[in-house]
Protein backbone atom coordinates (compact mmCIF):
# COMPACT_ATOMS: atom_id res chain seq x y z
CA MET A 1 -32.62 -109.17 -22.00
CA SER A 2 -32.10 -105.56 -22.64
CA VAL A 3 -28.92 -103.36 -21.58
CA THR A 4 -32.44 -101.68 -19.66
CA THR A 5 -33.45 -104.38 -17.37
CA GLY A 6 -29.72 -105.83 -16.75
CA LEU A 7 -29.30 -108.92 -15.03
CA TYR A 8 -33.14 -109.82 -15.62
CA ASP A 9 -35.08 -110.66 -18.58
CA ARG A 10 -38.71 -108.88 -18.49
CA GLU A 11 -40.25 -110.85 -21.39
CA ALA A 12 -39.67 -114.32 -19.08
CA GLY A 13 -41.46 -112.30 -16.20
CA ASP A 14 -38.66 -111.80 -14.43
CA GLU A 15 -38.58 -107.84 -12.39
CA GLY A 16 -35.73 -105.85 -12.10
CA PHE A 17 -34.90 -104.91 -8.14
CA VAL A 18 -34.56 -100.81 -9.50
CA VAL A 19 -37.97 -101.34 -11.56
CA GLY A 20 -39.38 -102.76 -7.75
CA THR A 21 -37.66 -99.92 -5.61
CA ILE A 22 -39.28 -97.43 -8.97
CA GLY A 23 -43.19 -98.52 -8.00
CA LEU A 24 -42.77 -98.88 -4.55
CA GLU A 25 -41.51 -94.28 -4.50
CA GLU A 26 -45.13 -94.71 -6.89
CA TRP A 27 -47.09 -96.08 -4.14
CA LYS A 28 -45.92 -93.98 -1.67
CA VAL A 29 -47.27 -90.97 -3.65
CA ALA A 30 -50.84 -93.60 -4.40
CA ALA A 31 -50.93 -93.66 -0.55
CA ALA A 32 -51.06 -90.60 0.17
CA ARG A 33 -53.60 -89.71 -3.24
CA ILE A 34 -55.82 -92.17 -1.70
CA ILE A 35 -55.65 -91.05 1.71
CA THR A 36 -56.39 -88.01 1.87
CA ARG A 37 -59.26 -88.55 -0.72
CA CYS A 38 -60.98 -90.53 1.41
CA TRP A 39 -60.17 -87.24 4.22
CA ASP A 40 -61.71 -85.64 1.80
CA ASP A 41 -64.84 -87.05 0.06
CA ALA A 42 -66.79 -89.54 3.07
CA THR A 43 -68.00 -91.97 -0.67
CA TYR A 44 -64.68 -92.40 -1.88
CA PHE A 45 -63.39 -95.04 1.00
CA ASP A 46 -66.28 -97.67 -0.77
CA ALA A 47 -65.66 -96.51 -4.13
CA PHE A 48 -61.80 -97.24 -4.15
CA ASN A 49 -62.86 -100.59 -2.25
CA MET A 50 -65.60 -101.30 -5.19
CA ASP A 51 -63.50 -100.54 -7.94
CA GLN A 52 -59.62 -100.86 -6.81
CA THR A 53 -58.13 -100.67 -10.91
CA GLY A 54 -60.63 -97.96 -11.77
CA LYS A 55 -60.12 -95.96 -8.93
CA LEU A 56 -56.74 -95.94 -9.03
CA SER A 57 -55.86 -95.15 -13.10
CA GLU A 58 -58.11 -92.12 -12.38
CA LEU A 59 -54.66 -90.78 -9.72
CA GLY A 60 -52.49 -92.63 -12.53
CA PHE A 61 -51.59 -96.05 -11.20
CA LYS A 62 -52.13 -99.14 -11.45
CA LEU A 63 -52.14 -102.57 -9.20
CA PRO A 64 -48.96 -105.03 -10.26
CA PRO A 65 -50.48 -108.29 -11.47
CA GLY A 66 -51.35 -110.52 -8.45
CA LEU A 67 -51.71 -107.65 -6.05
CA LYS A 68 -54.62 -106.28 -4.74
CA LEU A 69 -55.31 -103.56 -2.54
CA THR A 70 -58.03 -103.66 0.65
CA LEU A 71 -58.99 -99.47 2.34
CA LYS A 72 -59.08 -100.82 5.52
CA LYS A 73 -60.19 -97.89 8.36
CA VAL A 74 -58.90 -97.82 11.48
CA ASP A 75 -59.83 -95.72 14.95
CA VAL A 76 -56.33 -93.75 15.77
CA LYS A 77 -56.08 -89.87 16.02
CA TYR A 78 -53.44 -87.16 15.04
CA GLU A 79 -51.99 -85.35 17.10
CA PRO A 80 -49.67 -82.07 15.57
CA ASN A 81 -47.22 -80.44 17.27
CA LYS A 82 -46.54 -83.62 19.61
CA MET A 83 -43.10 -83.26 21.70
CA ALA A 84 -40.92 -86.11 23.66
CA GLN A 85 -38.70 -85.68 25.62
CA GLY A 86 -38.11 -81.72 24.50
CA ALA A 87 -38.76 -82.07 20.32
CA TYR A 88 -41.61 -82.78 18.18
CA VAL A 89 -42.80 -86.07 17.25
CA ASN A 90 -44.81 -87.60 14.70
CA GLY A 91 -48.16 -86.94 15.23
CA TRP A 92 -49.20 -90.73 14.39
CA GLU A 93 -46.53 -92.58 16.48
CA ASP A 94 -48.66 -93.80 19.22
CA SER A 95 -50.97 -95.68 16.11
CA LEU A 96 -48.35 -96.57 14.58
CA ASP A 97 -49.04 -100.25 15.14
CA ALA A 98 -52.79 -99.59 14.64
CA LEU A 99 -51.95 -97.77 10.96
CA SER A 100 -49.87 -100.54 9.93
CA GLY A 101 -50.98 -102.90 6.57
CA GLU A 102 -50.89 -106.62 7.22
CA VAL A 103 -48.30 -108.18 4.37
CA ILE A 104 -50.35 -111.68 3.01
CA PHE A 105 -47.82 -114.18 0.97
CA ASN A 106 -49.43 -116.75 -0.73
CA VAL A 107 -47.41 -120.54 -0.20
CA PRO A 108 -48.13 -122.36 -3.59
CA PRO A 109 -47.74 -126.21 -3.18
CA ALA A 110 -44.85 -127.30 -3.72
CA PRO A 111 -43.20 -128.66 -7.49
CA ASP A 112 -41.40 -132.51 -8.28
CA GLN A 113 -38.63 -132.37 -5.90
CA LYS A 114 -36.22 -132.09 -8.88
CA ASP A 115 -38.19 -128.28 -10.33
CA ARG A 116 -37.68 -126.55 -6.48
CA ALA A 117 -34.15 -125.36 -7.17
CA MET A 118 -35.74 -123.77 -10.36
CA ALA A 119 -39.01 -122.90 -9.25
CA ILE A 120 -37.96 -120.63 -6.18
CA VAL A 121 -35.71 -118.81 -8.24
CA ASP A 122 -38.30 -117.74 -10.85
CA TYR A 123 -41.07 -117.46 -8.03
CA GLN A 124 -38.68 -114.81 -6.85
CA ALA A 125 -38.11 -113.29 -10.08
CA THR A 126 -41.98 -112.12 -10.69
CA GLY A 127 -41.81 -109.77 -7.80
CA LYS A 128 -45.09 -111.11 -6.53
CA SER A 129 -42.75 -113.20 -3.79
CA LEU A 130 -41.64 -110.28 -2.07
CA PRO A 131 -44.13 -107.63 0.12
CA PHE A 132 -43.48 -104.48 -1.25
CA THR A 133 -42.75 -105.37 -5.17
CA CYS A 134 -44.06 -103.05 -7.84
């Protein structure tokens, strides 16, 4: 283990909380760039879905191992300067359900009973058991 990874052993495939948090912040930037590219270029949506790795690389990002990202179009309308109870609110507020993403948890087959405690710890340490680790 190294000092930079704390309690996690990167060589064993563990993903630390801080690494995952930094990755989440990076993905917020990536998401904004992907969405604005789709708005500016009508062909980008299909091009991204055909070559996720290449398109993310062009933006300076890469998919973490085990993650697949697919863009999905939704029919919603942005309402700038929207007011509710005398205060400005998010212009996407009425579209939150439609804008929500989907997280799919992959459940592996159960290991032998004697191996389950270690198996679940190893599974969690990969970072792939949580929906937003990067």
